[in-house]
Each structure stands twice: as C-alpha cells, then as structure tokens.
Amino acid sequence: MAVESPFTWPLPTRAAAALAAVLAACTPAAWAGLDGFVALAQPMAEAAAARSAPGLRVQVHVGALDARLRLAPCQAVEPYLPPNTRLWGASRIGMRCNDAGVRWNVFLPVQVDVFGPAWVATGALPAGTVLQASHLQRAEANLSAARQPVLADLDQAVGRALQRPLGAGEALRGSDLRPRQWFAAGDAVRLVAVGSGWRIDGQGHAMAPGLEGAPVRVRTESGRVVSGMPVGERQVEVAL
C-alpha cells in the first residue's frame, strides 16, 4: 500500500490472501462473557491490520460492547470482518455465535491508527496561508486520522493556500488546499478532447472561473456551449 493512501477494498491479491489466512486461523472459541470478546478479537484485528499495511506502524484498540447487553452463552464464538470493512481509522469487527441452537451477531468498535511518513506543518498555520517549503517537513504522522490521503508531493503544495488551519505536526492532505483557479470568466481557453488514438483541439471563452475539480461551461467560436474540466492554465478537457 502506498503510504499516501488509505486501504482500498478489495485488497490487492497478496494482501487479500494474507488476510484470509489470518481469518482462517481465528477458530471459534467458547463463551467467555462480554469481557472475553476483546481478548478474542484483538489478535485478529492486529494481524489483519498489520498485514494490510506492510512497512507501516499500526496501533489497534478494540472497544467493548455495552455491559448491559445480554447474550446467550455460546460454545462457538467467532470473530470476523464484515463485508467491505476497511481496517482504517474507526472500524468494527463482527462477533457471532455458531452454536447449533444459539444465533446472535454483534459488532465491536475498533480504532486502527496507521502511522507513516507525511508532509506535516512545522508550526501552526492559519487558513489562507500560502504554503512555502519552510512551512512543511517530512515526519511520521497518523495517516488514518482522516479519510482523505496525505499529500505525497511537496511541489503540489508550495504556492497553494490553505482552506483550513493546520496545527503543528498535523499532516497535510490534498483536501486542505484551496482549489487552483486556472482562468477567469471571459478568458480565452483552449479546448481539448482526447480519445483512443485521437485528439481534438479548439478555442472558446470561459463562461465562469475555471476552478480545479469543478466543471465549467465554455462558449466555442461557433457559439456552441460545452462543459469540461479545467486541467491547466487556460485549458479545458472536454469528454466526448
């Protein structure tokens, strides 16, 4: 897994196979009460998280169920990962009873913190700060503190403004940066449509500011209005 991205599901083939082996090793255990759930789930959660994030430091904390919950005693309690579960940040592990005469299914809260290299703020940075290289340094950070991936390339940050404040030591993520404006309303822009083995270029005038990640309408020289995505200085990519 690249250090700048959260886990995705399904996992890559090798990681998925390793995770399947971990789950297969977690054979059902006899009922030990609600307190026994944590002891049963912790090793599985730690092994699954570690195998899914090779080379990264992982900390796993398994929470507890409400002590008021009443479950029938069970001789075959099995921990499992619910479908599409990502062991990243706040997650959960299922616990089910496989006794012939007893059926119940509950979920334990799990917090999975994954630590790895990231660009972090050297000090407190208020919103609107135009980032310079001196504002950031490479350090270990909690990659799973937010769903958005950390920013991998320093060049993508320098010269960009923050749209929210960053605390000292906090990792910079792409969503923390204000969208770039590639052109203003009324500017002449280049229209580009690209397909398999072909490319079409044209000219037009933007009908609104060209903000990174937001579609914009452009009036072509023939008077037709098309919509596309700003992708660079006075350049719009049109899907055909």
Protein backbone atom coordinates (compact mmCIF):
# COMPACT_ATOMS: atom_id res chain seq x y z
CA MET A 1 0.00 0.00 0.00
CA ALA A 2 1.31 3.45 -0.91
CA VAL A 3 1.90 5.46 2.21
CA GLU A 4 -0.23 8.35 0.96
CA SER A 5 -3.44 6.41 0.56
CA PRO A 6 -5.93 4.63 2.85
CA PHE A 7 -6.65 0.94 2.30
CA THR A 8 -8.97 0.13 -0.55
CA TRP A 9 -11.23 -2.87 -0.76
CA PRO A 10 -10.93 -5.39 -2.25
CA LEU A 11 -7.31 -5.62 -1.13
CA PRO A 12 -4.52 -6.46 -3.60
CA THR A 13 -4.20 -10.20 -4.21
CA ARG A 14 -1.28 -10.85 -1.81
CA ALA A 15 -2.80 -8.76 0.99
CA ALA A 16 -6.20 -10.40 0.50
CA ALA A 17 -4.65 -13.87 0.67
CA ALA A 18 -2.76 -12.96 3.85
CA LEU A 19 -5.92 -11.56 5.42
CA ALA A 20 -7.82 -14.73 4.51
CA ALA A 21 -5.15 -16.79 6.27
CA VAL A 22 -5.49 -14.64 9.40
CA LEU A 23 -9.25 -15.07 9.46
CA ALA A 24 -8.99 -18.82 8.87
CA ALA A 25 -6.72 -19.09 11.90
CA CYS A 26 -9.34 -17.46 14.13
CA THR A 27 -11.27 -20.60 15.04
CA PRO A 28 -14.43 -20.27 17.13
CA ALA A 29 -13.85 -20.07 20.89
CA ALA A 30 -16.00 -20.93 23.86
CA TRP A 31 -18.14 -18.26 25.52
CA ALA A 32 -16.18 -16.13 27.98
CA GLY A 33 -18.67 -13.35 28.52
CA LEU A 34 -18.55 -9.84 27.05
CA ASP A 35 -15.10 -9.21 28.56
CA GLY A 36 -13.74 -12.14 26.57
CA PHE A 37 -14.71 -10.54 23.25
CA VAL A 38 -11.81 -8.08 23.34
CA ALA A 39 -9.26 -10.82 24.04
CA LEU A 40 -10.67 -12.87 21.17
CA ALA A 41 -10.85 -10.00 18.65
CA GLN A 42 -7.61 -8.13 19.44
CA PRO A 43 -5.13 -10.63 17.89
CA MET A 44 -7.20 -10.97 14.74
CA ALA A 45 -7.54 -7.20 14.36
CA GLU A 46 -3.83 -6.58 14.93
CA ALA A 47 -2.74 -9.28 12.50
CA ALA A 48 -5.18 -8.23 9.79
CA ALA A 49 -4.27 -4.53 10.10
CA ALA A 50 -0.52 -5.22 10.09
CA ARG A 51 -0.70 -7.48 7.05
CA SER A 52 -2.77 -4.90 5.19
CA ALA A 53 -0.26 -2.09 5.87
CA PRO A 54 3.21 -3.61 5.35
CA GLY A 55 6.06 -1.35 6.42
CA LEU A 56 3.83 0.98 8.41
CA ARG A 57 3.37 1.24 12.17
CA VAL A 58 -0.10 0.15 13.24
CA GLN A 59 -1.89 0.56 16.56
CA VAL A 60 -5.18 -1.23 17.18
CA HIS A 61 -7.60 -0.59 20.03
CA VAL A 62 -10.62 -2.88 20.30
CA GLY A 63 -13.52 -1.31 22.16
CA ALA A 64 -16.17 -3.04 24.25
CA LEU A 65 -19.87 -3.73 23.95
CA ASP A 66 -22.45 -2.15 26.23
CA ALA A 67 -22.19 -4.01 29.53
CA ARG A 68 -25.99 -4.08 29.73
CA LEU A 69 -26.20 -6.28 26.66
CA ARG A 70 -27.41 -9.82 27.43
CA LEU A 71 -26.33 -12.60 25.07
CA ALA A 72 -27.00 -16.30 25.38
CA PRO A 73 -23.92 -18.37 26.33
CA CYS A 74 -22.22 -19.78 23.25
CA GLN A 75 -19.65 -22.53 22.72
CA ALA A 76 -18.51 -21.30 19.31
CA VAL A 77 -17.89 -17.53 19.25
CA GLU A 78 -16.25 -16.44 16.01
CA PRO A 79 -14.72 -13.02 15.17
CA TYR A 80 -14.97 -11.89 11.54
CA LEU A 81 -14.63 -8.83 9.31
CA PRO A 82 -17.96 -7.63 7.89
CA PRO A 83 -18.05 -7.32 4.06
CA ASN A 84 -16.38 -4.19 2.67
CA THR A 85 -14.88 -3.33 6.07
CA ARG A 86 -11.67 -1.28 5.97
CA LEU A 87 -9.38 -1.58 8.97
CA TRP A 88 -8.52 2.11 8.81
CA GLY A 89 -9.47 4.64 11.45
CA ALA A 90 -12.82 3.92 13.08
CA SER A 91 -13.92 0.45 12.07
CA ARG A 92 -15.60 -2.63 13.53
CA ILE A 93 -15.23 -6.39 13.94
CA GLY A 94 -18.16 -8.78 13.97
CA MET A 95 -18.67 -11.42 16.67
CA ARG A 96 -21.13 -14.23 16.01
CA CYS A 97 -22.29 -17.36 17.71
CA ASN A 98 -22.16 -20.53 15.62
CA ASP A 99 -23.82 -22.87 18.12
CA ALA A 100 -26.45 -25.10 16.58
CA GLY A 101 -29.14 -23.86 18.94
CA VAL A 102 -27.98 -20.27 19.51
CA ARG A 103 -27.71 -17.48 16.95
CA TRP A 104 -26.57 -13.93 17.64
CA ASN A 105 -24.36 -11.39 15.92
CA VAL A 106 -22.83 -8.23 17.41
CA PHE A 107 -20.15 -5.72 16.42
CA LEU A 108 -17.16 -4.47 18.40
CA PRO A 109 -15.85 -0.95 17.70
CA VAL A 110 -12.22 -0.91 16.57
CA GLN A 111 -9.85 2.04 16.18
CA VAL A 112 -6.98 1.36 13.77
CA ASP A 113 -4.27 4.03 13.66
CA VAL A 114 -1.74 3.70 10.84
CA PHE A 115 1.45 5.75 11.06
CA GLY A 116 3.76 6.57 8.16
CA PRO A 117 5.76 9.37 6.51
CA ALA A 118 3.91 12.54 5.51
CA TRP A 119 4.42 16.26 4.99
CA VAL A 120 3.46 17.93 8.28
CA ALA A 121 3.20 21.54 9.41
CA THR A 122 6.32 22.84 11.16
CA GLY A 123 4.10 25.15 13.24
CA ALA A 124 0.51 26.35 13.49
CA LEU A 125 -0.69 27.60 10.10
CA PRO A 126 -3.89 29.66 9.82
CA ALA A 127 -6.35 29.26 6.97
CA GLY A 128 -5.30 31.26 3.92
CA THR A 129 -1.57 30.69 4.46
CA VAL A 130 0.23 30.46 1.11
CA LEU A 131 2.49 27.49 1.68
CA GLN A 132 6.24 27.66 1.31
CA ALA A 133 8.68 24.76 1.61
CA SER A 134 9.70 26.06 5.06
CA HIS A 135 6.13 25.53 6.32
CA LEU A 136 6.39 21.76 5.93
CA GLN A 137 8.71 18.96 6.95
CA ARG A 138 8.80 15.20 6.48
CA ALA A 139 7.77 13.31 9.62
CA GLU A 140 5.72 10.37 10.85
CA ALA A 141 2.01 11.11 11.08
CA ASN A 142 -1.25 9.30 11.65
CA LEU A 143 -2.30 8.55 8.07
CA SER A 144 -5.67 7.27 9.22
CA ALA A 145 -6.65 10.44 11.13
CA ALA A 146 -8.84 11.39 8.15
CA ARG A 147 -10.29 9.58 5.16
CA GLN A 148 -8.52 11.85 2.67
CA PRO A 149 -4.98 10.72 1.71
CA VAL A 150 -1.97 12.74 2.79
CA LEU A 151 -0.22 14.79 0.12
CA ALA A 152 2.76 12.87 -1.26
CA ASP A 153 4.46 15.55 -3.38
CA LEU A 154 5.71 18.77 -1.78
CA ASP A 155 5.63 20.53 -5.16
CA GLN A 156 1.84 20.11 -5.20
CA ALA A 157 1.60 22.20 -2.02
CA VAL A 158 4.11 25.04 -2.45
CA GLY A 159 2.38 28.21 -3.60
CA ARG A 160 -1.08 26.91 -2.70
CA ALA A 161 -3.28 28.44 0.01
CA LEU A 162 -4.74 26.52 2.93
CA GLN A 163 -8.50 26.41 3.13
CA ARG A 164 -8.42 25.36 6.80
CA PRO A 165 -5.93 25.87 9.64
CA LEU A 166 -3.26 23.23 10.30
CA GLY A 167 -1.86 22.52 13.74
CA ALA A 168 1.84 21.98 14.35
CA GLY A 169 2.76 18.43 13.33
CA GLU A 170 -0.53 17.87 11.51
CA ALA A 171 -0.29 16.07 8.17
CA LEU A 172 -1.18 17.98 5.01
CA ARG A 173 -3.87 16.43 2.82
CA GLY A 174 -5.00 17.42 -0.65
CA SER A 175 -8.38 18.46 0.70
CA ASP A 176 -6.65 21.03 2.95
CA LEU A 177 -5.66 23.15 -0.08
CA ARG A 178 -7.83 25.69 -1.81
CA PRO A 179 -8.68 24.69 -5.40
CA ARG A 180 -6.44 26.31 -8.01
CA GLN A 181 -8.06 28.80 -10.39
CA TRP A 182 -6.73 28.14 -13.87
CA PHE A 183 -8.53 31.05 -15.58
CA ALA A 184 -11.15 33.75 -15.05
CA ALA A 185 -14.61 34.15 -16.52
CA GLY A 186 -14.34 35.57 -20.05
CA ASP A 187 -10.79 34.31 -20.62
CA ALA A 188 -9.95 32.67 -23.91
CA VAL A 189 -9.31 28.98 -23.26
CA ARG A 190 -8.08 26.00 -25.19
CA LEU A 191 -10.50 23.09 -25.51
CA VAL A 192 -9.00 19.61 -25.68
CA ALA A 193 -10.84 16.34 -26.31
CA VAL A 194 -8.75 13.18 -26.17
CA GLY A 195 -9.70 9.64 -27.15
CA SER A 196 -8.01 6.38 -28.07
CA GLY A 197 -5.55 7.36 -30.77
CA TRP A 198 -7.02 10.79 -31.48
CA ARG A 199 -7.05 14.35 -30.13
CA ILE A 200 -9.17 17.38 -30.97
CA ASP A 201 -8.18 20.97 -30.14
CA GLY A 202 -10.38 24.03 -30.23
CA GLN A 203 -10.85 27.52 -28.80
CA GLY A 204 -13.52 29.15 -26.71
CA HIS A 205 -14.29 31.63 -23.94
CA ALA A 206 -14.92 30.59 -20.34
CA MET A 207 -18.36 31.45 -19.02
CA ALA A 208 -17.21 31.16 -15.37
CA PRO A 209 -13.94 30.94 -13.43
CA GLY A 210 -12.01 27.71 -14.04
CA LEU A 211 -11.57 26.12 -10.60
CA GLU A 212 -9.68 22.88 -10.14
CA GLY A 213 -12.04 19.93 -9.74
CA ALA A 214 -15.18 21.82 -10.81
CA PRO A 215 -16.77 21.63 -14.29
CA VAL A 216 -17.01 24.85 -16.29
CA ARG A 217 -19.00 25.89 -19.34
CA VAL A 218 -17.22 27.28 -22.38
CA ARG A 219 -18.68 29.01 -25.43
CA THR A 220 -16.90 27.87 -28.58
CA GLU A 221 -16.05 30.10 -31.55
CA SER A 222 -19.10 28.70 -33.36
CA GLY A 223 -21.39 29.74 -30.45
CA ARG A 224 -21.91 26.23 -29.06
CA VAL A 225 -21.73 25.83 -25.28
CA VAL A 226 -19.81 22.82 -23.97
CA SER A 227 -18.88 21.66 -20.49
CA GLY A 228 -15.47 20.44 -19.41
CA MET A 229 -12.95 20.20 -16.58
CA PRO A 230 -10.21 22.82 -16.07
CA VAL A 231 -6.92 20.92 -16.22
CA GLY A 232 -4.27 23.64 -16.57
CA GLU A 233 -3.57 27.27 -17.42
CA ARG A 234 -6.44 28.31 -19.73
CA GLN A 235 -7.06 24.69 -20.72
CA VAL A 236 -10.30 22.69 -20.51
CA GLU A 237 -10.69 18.98 -21.16
CA VAL A 238 -13.98 18.01 -22.77
CA ALA A 239 -15.42 14.48 -22.59
CA LEU A 240 -16.99 13.31 -25.85
